[in-house]
Amino acid sequence: MLRILLFVGTNLAIMLVLSIVVSVFGIDRWAYQHGHIQLQGMLILCAVFGMGGSLISLLMSKTLAKMSVGAQVIDAPRSADEQWLFATVRHHADTAGIGMPEIAVYDAPEMNAFATGASKNHALVAVSTGLLGSMNRDEVSAVLGHEITHVANGDMVTLALVQGVLNTFVMFLARVIGGVIDGAMQGDREGNRGGGIGYFLIVMLLQTVLGVLATLIVMWFSRWREFRADAGGAHLASRNSMISALQTLSGNHDSGLPKAIQAFGISGDHGLGRLFASHPPIEERIAALRAGA
């Protein structure tokens, strides 16, 4: 329940801030003039909400991730296990050419780990107690290499940009097409009306349909980058260790992560159908590693 409230509250706060921005700068009035849609103004309005929302979420990702899973950042190693964890992350980060990320552990029975952050040199790598207790050190090292590769590849930033661009065009196309349809229904020869309950309902329907199509693109990208991260984990640790870690993860039926950061985990959602899955099936990931992909 706390995770849901945090997710809803954060998104409402972002929407409120962006609404104030478009109102103060008059972007909303520019988008709709004299009862008609102005394409330039509408595109900027949609970009503020689409790109702005994604970028603000990216900037807040470390804080929100730690709060949502209750991750405890390890500032200094207090045991031999934590010293090994620090040394392994530092070795992988140095090899990958990125700054030392924050390291956190969160209490969860599921085997998972994730990386997030707004830049390569200010990232967070978090590991669940379930993963640490279920894998040997070679496997954990491979998982950490997988997450460090996500950071080195800039996957968090790229995914946010992809999501932001798609959000922008989903909003824009829904409103423009909705204006044309509404205008035609109202007998408006210019065919670009905006406003009214009919327009609102048409836009909501179009935004839902286009949003589903955009999700397919985002999930495809998410699956593709998992193969790259697996290859990176195999390079930083070893191929056998990465394969062994994935085989151990195959018995993990629930990622245990909130939806907002599920795509960043080593183990993700693949139970909603292939096209909507954030992660490829583990057997395909193992096959790709064995084939040297």
Protein backbone atom coordinates (compact mmCIF):
# COMPACT_ATOMS: atom_id res chain seq x y z
CA MET A 1 0.00 0.00 0.00
CA LEU A 2 2.87 2.38 0.86
CA ARG A 3 4.44 1.76 -2.56
CA ILE A 4 1.15 2.55 -4.32
CA LEU A 5 0.65 5.75 -2.32
CA LEU A 6 4.24 6.81 -3.04
CA PHE A 7 3.83 6.15 -6.77
CA VAL A 8 0.47 7.96 -7.01
CA GLY A 9 1.57 10.86 -4.82
CA THR A 10 4.78 11.39 -6.80
CA ASN A 11 3.01 11.39 -10.14
CA LEU A 12 0.32 13.77 -8.90
CA ALA A 13 3.02 16.12 -7.59
CA ILE A 14 4.87 16.03 -10.94
CA MET A 15 1.65 16.72 -12.86
CA LEU A 16 0.83 19.62 -10.52
CA VAL A 17 4.27 21.20 -10.99
CA LEU A 18 4.11 20.83 -14.77
CA SER A 19 0.55 22.22 -14.85
CA ILE A 20 1.76 25.31 -13.01
CA VAL A 21 4.64 25.68 -15.47
CA VAL A 22 2.40 25.57 -18.57
CA SER A 23 -0.06 27.95 -16.95
CA VAL A 24 2.57 30.50 -15.87
CA PHE A 25 4.18 30.57 -19.32
CA GLY A 26 0.83 30.57 -21.13
CA ILE A 27 1.57 27.38 -23.05
CA ASP A 28 -1.93 26.04 -22.39
CA ARG A 29 -3.48 29.18 -23.87
CA TRP A 30 -1.15 28.97 -26.87
CA ALA A 31 -2.17 25.37 -27.54
CA TYR A 32 -5.88 26.26 -27.69
CA GLN A 33 -6.73 29.58 -29.34
CA HIS A 34 -10.25 30.67 -30.25
CA GLY A 35 -11.56 27.14 -29.69
CA HIS A 36 -9.08 25.58 -32.11
CA ILE A 37 -5.85 23.59 -31.67
CA GLN A 38 -2.60 25.37 -32.56
CA LEU A 39 -0.14 22.64 -33.60
CA GLN A 40 3.07 24.32 -32.41
CA GLY A 41 1.62 25.25 -29.06
CA MET A 42 0.06 21.82 -28.63
CA LEU A 43 3.37 20.07 -29.41
CA ILE A 44 5.19 22.17 -26.81
CA LEU A 45 2.42 21.57 -24.27
CA CYS A 46 2.66 17.79 -24.80
CA ALA A 47 6.47 17.90 -24.67
CA VAL A 48 6.36 19.66 -21.30
CA PHE A 49 4.20 16.91 -19.83
CA GLY A 50 5.70 13.98 -21.78
CA MET A 51 9.41 14.78 -21.61
CA GLY A 52 9.17 16.79 -18.41
CA GLY A 53 7.49 13.99 -16.49
CA SER A 54 10.05 11.41 -17.63
CA LEU A 55 13.06 13.63 -16.85
CA ILE A 56 11.77 14.62 -13.41
CA SER A 57 11.14 10.95 -12.63
CA LEU A 58 14.70 10.15 -13.76
CA LEU A 59 16.17 12.85 -11.51
CA MET A 60 14.17 11.49 -8.58
CA SER A 61 14.77 7.82 -9.42
CA LYS A 62 17.42 7.07 -6.78
CA THR A 63 15.42 8.61 -3.95
CA LEU A 64 12.14 7.02 -5.03
CA ALA A 65 13.76 3.60 -5.55
CA LYS A 66 15.30 3.62 -2.07
CA MET A 67 12.02 4.70 -0.50
CA SER A 68 9.86 2.22 -2.42
CA VAL A 69 11.86 -0.88 -1.43
CA GLY A 70 13.25 0.39 1.90
CA ALA A 71 16.83 0.07 0.67
CA GLN A 72 19.56 0.81 3.19
CA VAL A 73 22.62 2.49 1.68
CA ILE A 74 25.91 1.06 2.96
CA ASP A 75 28.18 4.06 3.55
CA ALA A 76 31.04 1.97 4.88
CA PRO A 77 31.50 -1.84 4.97
CA ARG A 78 30.80 -3.29 8.42
CA SER A 79 31.43 -6.97 7.71
CA ALA A 80 33.46 -9.24 5.47
CA ASP A 81 30.45 -9.74 3.19
CA GLU A 82 29.92 -6.00 2.81
CA GLN A 83 33.64 -5.50 2.15
CA TRP A 84 33.45 -8.10 -0.63
CA LEU A 85 30.33 -6.40 -2.03
CA PHE A 86 32.09 -3.02 -2.08
CA ALA A 87 35.26 -4.45 -3.65
CA THR A 88 33.29 -6.26 -6.36
CA VAL A 89 31.20 -3.22 -7.29
CA ARG A 90 34.31 -1.01 -7.33
CA HIS A 91 36.17 -3.47 -9.56
CA HIS A 92 33.28 -3.69 -12.02
CA ALA A 93 32.76 0.09 -12.01
CA ASP A 94 36.46 0.75 -12.66
CA THR A 95 36.54 -1.81 -15.46
CA ALA A 96 33.40 -0.31 -17.03
CA GLY A 97 34.82 3.21 -16.72
CA ILE A 98 32.14 4.73 -14.49
CA GLY A 99 32.15 6.37 -11.08
CA MET A 100 31.61 4.30 -7.95
CA PRO A 101 27.83 3.96 -7.48
CA GLU A 102 26.01 3.96 -4.17
CA ILE A 103 25.48 0.45 -2.85
CA ALA A 104 22.31 -0.54 -1.02
CA VAL A 105 20.73 -3.71 0.31
CA TYR A 106 16.98 -4.13 0.76
CA ASP A 107 15.10 -6.79 2.68
CA ALA A 108 13.06 -9.00 0.35
CA PRO A 109 12.76 -12.77 -0.12
CA GLU A 110 12.77 -12.45 -3.92
CA MET A 111 16.08 -12.70 -5.75
CA ASN A 112 16.64 -9.37 -7.48
CA ALA A 113 18.95 -6.42 -7.94
CA PHE A 114 18.53 -3.15 -9.77
CA ALA A 115 20.44 -0.07 -10.84
CA THR A 116 19.09 3.43 -11.29
CA GLY A 117 20.22 7.04 -11.33
CA ALA A 118 20.32 10.09 -13.57
CA SER A 119 23.94 9.68 -14.72
CA LYS A 120 26.71 7.11 -15.06
CA ASN A 121 28.75 8.62 -12.25
CA HIS A 122 25.89 9.10 -9.75
CA ALA A 123 24.06 5.77 -9.86
CA LEU A 124 22.65 3.38 -7.29
CA VAL A 125 23.07 -0.40 -7.29
CA ALA A 126 20.76 -2.25 -4.89
CA VAL A 127 20.65 -5.95 -4.08
CA SER A 128 17.97 -7.92 -2.24
CA THR A 129 18.74 -10.06 0.78
CA GLY A 130 17.00 -12.91 -1.04
CA LEU A 131 19.55 -12.76 -3.85
CA LEU A 132 22.52 -12.50 -1.50
CA GLY A 133 21.28 -15.50 0.47
CA SER A 134 20.49 -17.67 -2.56
CA MET A 135 23.52 -17.16 -4.82
CA ASN A 136 27.20 -17.85 -4.42
CA ARG A 137 29.72 -15.05 -4.82
CA ASP A 138 30.49 -15.81 -8.47
CA GLU A 139 26.79 -15.52 -9.32
CA VAL A 140 26.35 -12.34 -7.28
CA SER A 141 29.40 -10.88 -9.03
CA ALA A 142 27.78 -11.59 -12.41
CA VAL A 143 24.52 -9.97 -11.31
CA LEU A 144 26.42 -6.89 -10.12
CA GLY A 145 28.22 -6.83 -13.47
CA HIS A 146 24.85 -6.93 -15.22
CA GLU A 147 23.66 -3.90 -13.24
CA ILE A 148 26.93 -2.00 -13.69
CA THR A 149 26.60 -2.58 -17.45
CA HIS A 150 23.14 -0.98 -17.36
CA VAL A 151 24.75 2.09 -15.78
CA ALA A 152 27.73 2.14 -18.16
CA ASN A 153 25.42 1.84 -21.18
CA GLY A 154 23.30 4.73 -19.93
CA ASP A 155 20.20 2.56 -20.06
CA MET A 156 18.29 4.51 -17.41
CA VAL A 157 18.74 7.81 -19.26
CA THR A 158 17.99 6.28 -22.66
CA LEU A 159 14.85 4.57 -21.40
CA ALA A 160 13.64 7.84 -19.85
CA LEU A 161 14.22 9.68 -23.15
CA VAL A 162 12.47 6.98 -25.18
CA GLN A 163 9.54 7.03 -22.76
CA GLY A 164 9.43 10.84 -22.80
CA VAL A 165 9.41 11.10 -26.60
CA LEU A 166 6.70 8.45 -26.89
CA ASN A 167 4.61 10.10 -24.15
CA THR A 168 4.88 13.41 -26.02
CA PHE A 169 3.70 12.00 -29.33
CA VAL A 170 0.95 9.92 -27.73
CA MET A 171 -0.48 13.07 -26.11
CA PHE A 172 0.03 15.17 -29.25
CA LEU A 173 -1.46 12.71 -31.76
CA ALA A 174 -4.40 11.91 -29.48
CA ARG A 175 -5.30 15.59 -29.20
CA VAL A 176 -4.74 16.46 -32.86
CA ILE A 177 -6.65 13.44 -34.19
CA GLY A 178 -9.30 14.00 -31.51
CA GLY A 179 -9.65 17.60 -32.67
CA VAL A 180 -10.09 16.54 -36.28
CA ILE A 181 -12.74 13.93 -35.36
CA ASP A 182 -14.54 16.31 -33.01
CA GLY A 183 -14.44 19.06 -35.61
CA ALA A 184 -15.89 16.77 -38.25
CA MET A 185 -18.66 15.68 -35.89
CA GLN A 186 -19.45 19.34 -35.12
CA GLY A 187 -19.44 20.32 -38.79
CA ASP A 188 -16.31 22.45 -38.42
CA ARG A 189 -14.68 22.70 -41.86
CA GLU A 190 -11.29 23.50 -40.36
CA GLY A 191 -11.49 20.20 -38.49
CA ASN A 192 -9.24 21.06 -35.58
CA ARG A 193 -11.56 21.90 -32.74
CA GLY A 194 -10.66 21.40 -29.10
CA GLY A 195 -12.72 21.35 -25.96
CA GLY A 196 -16.03 19.87 -24.95
CA ILE A 197 -17.00 16.51 -23.49
CA GLY A 198 -16.97 14.78 -26.90
CA TYR A 199 -13.42 15.94 -27.59
CA PHE A 200 -12.31 14.85 -24.11
CA LEU A 201 -13.76 11.34 -24.50
CA ILE A 202 -12.22 10.91 -27.95
CA VAL A 203 -8.80 12.03 -26.69
CA MET A 204 -8.94 9.66 -23.72
CA LEU A 205 -9.80 6.73 -26.01
CA LEU A 206 -7.07 7.59 -28.52
CA GLN A 207 -4.52 8.15 -25.75
CA THR A 208 -5.28 4.70 -24.33
CA VAL A 209 -4.87 2.98 -27.71
CA LEU A 210 -1.73 4.91 -28.66
CA GLY A 211 -0.36 4.40 -25.15
CA VAL A 212 -0.60 0.64 -25.57
CA LEU A 213 1.35 0.85 -28.85
CA ALA A 214 3.96 3.05 -27.17
CA THR A 215 4.29 0.52 -24.35
CA LEU A 216 5.14 -2.18 -26.91
CA ILE A 217 8.07 -0.05 -28.12
CA VAL A 218 9.32 0.67 -24.59
CA MET A 219 9.13 -2.98 -23.59
CA TRP A 220 10.95 -4.05 -26.77
CA PHE A 221 13.78 -1.67 -25.90
CA SER A 222 13.80 -2.92 -22.31
CA ARG A 223 14.14 -6.54 -23.45
CA TRP A 224 16.89 -5.67 -25.93
CA ARG A 225 19.00 -3.91 -23.29
CA GLU A 226 18.72 -6.94 -20.99
CA PHE A 227 20.65 -9.03 -23.53
CA ARG A 228 23.35 -6.33 -23.62
CA ALA A 229 23.51 -6.18 -19.83
CA ASP A 230 23.81 -9.98 -19.63
CA ALA A 231 26.74 -9.82 -22.05
CA GLY A 232 28.29 -7.11 -19.89
CA GLY A 233 27.85 -9.20 -16.76
CA ALA A 234 29.53 -12.12 -18.52
CA HIS A 235 32.43 -9.84 -19.50
CA LEU A 236 32.90 -8.34 -16.03
CA ALA A 237 32.53 -11.63 -14.15
CA SER A 238 32.48 -14.65 -16.45
CA ARG A 239 30.08 -16.22 -18.91
CA ASN A 240 29.65 -19.32 -16.76
CA SER A 241 28.87 -17.19 -13.69
CA MET A 242 26.29 -15.15 -15.60
CA ILE A 243 24.64 -18.29 -16.96
CA SER A 244 24.64 -19.86 -13.49
CA ALA A 245 23.08 -16.71 -12.00
CA LEU A 246 20.30 -16.73 -14.60
CA GLN A 247 19.66 -20.43 -13.99
CA THR A 248 19.27 -19.69 -10.28
CA LEU A 249 16.92 -16.80 -11.14
CA SER A 250 14.75 -19.10 -13.23
CA GLY A 251 13.01 -20.24 -10.06
CA ASN A 252 12.18 -16.62 -9.18
CA HIS A 253 8.47 -16.24 -9.99
CA ASP A 254 8.06 -12.66 -8.72
CA SER A 255 10.49 -9.76 -9.11
CA GLY A 256 9.26 -8.17 -5.86
CA LEU A 257 9.97 -4.71 -7.30
CA PRO A 258 7.48 -1.87 -7.76
CA LYS A 259 6.32 -1.33 -11.34
CA ALA A 260 8.19 1.99 -11.53
CA ILE A 261 11.61 0.31 -11.24
CA GLN A 262 10.81 -3.23 -12.37
CA ALA A 263 12.43 -2.72 -15.78
CA PHE A 264 15.74 -1.96 -14.03
CA GLY A 265 15.93 -5.28 -12.16
CA ILE A 266 17.95 -8.36 -13.06
CA SER A 267 14.69 -10.31 -12.83
CA GLY A 268 11.60 -8.64 -14.23
CA ASP A 269 8.06 -9.09 -15.39
CA HIS A 270 7.58 -11.66 -18.15
CA GLY A 271 4.18 -13.06 -17.23
CA LEU A 272 1.91 -10.60 -19.11
CA GLY A 273 2.67 -11.85 -22.59
CA ARG A 274 5.84 -11.61 -24.60
CA LEU A 275 5.15 -8.22 -26.21
CA PHE A 276 4.44 -6.50 -22.88
CA ALA A 277 7.29 -8.12 -20.92
CA SER A 278 10.10 -5.93 -19.60
CA HIS A 279 12.54 -8.88 -19.61
CA PRO A 280 13.09 -11.69 -22.13
CA PRO A 281 12.50 -15.28 -20.99
CA ILE A 282 15.50 -16.50 -19.00
CA GLU A 283 16.04 -19.47 -21.31
CA GLU A 284 16.51 -17.04 -24.23
CA ARG A 285 18.98 -14.98 -22.22
CA ILE A 286 20.97 -18.10 -21.39
CA ALA A 287 20.87 -19.25 -25.02
CA ALA A 288 22.19 -15.85 -26.16
CA LEU A 289 25.09 -16.07 -23.70
CA ARG A 290 25.95 -19.58 -24.79
CA ALA A 291 25.91 -18.46 -28.40
CA GLY A 292 28.27 -15.62 -27.55
CA ALA A 293 25.70 -12.93 -28.46
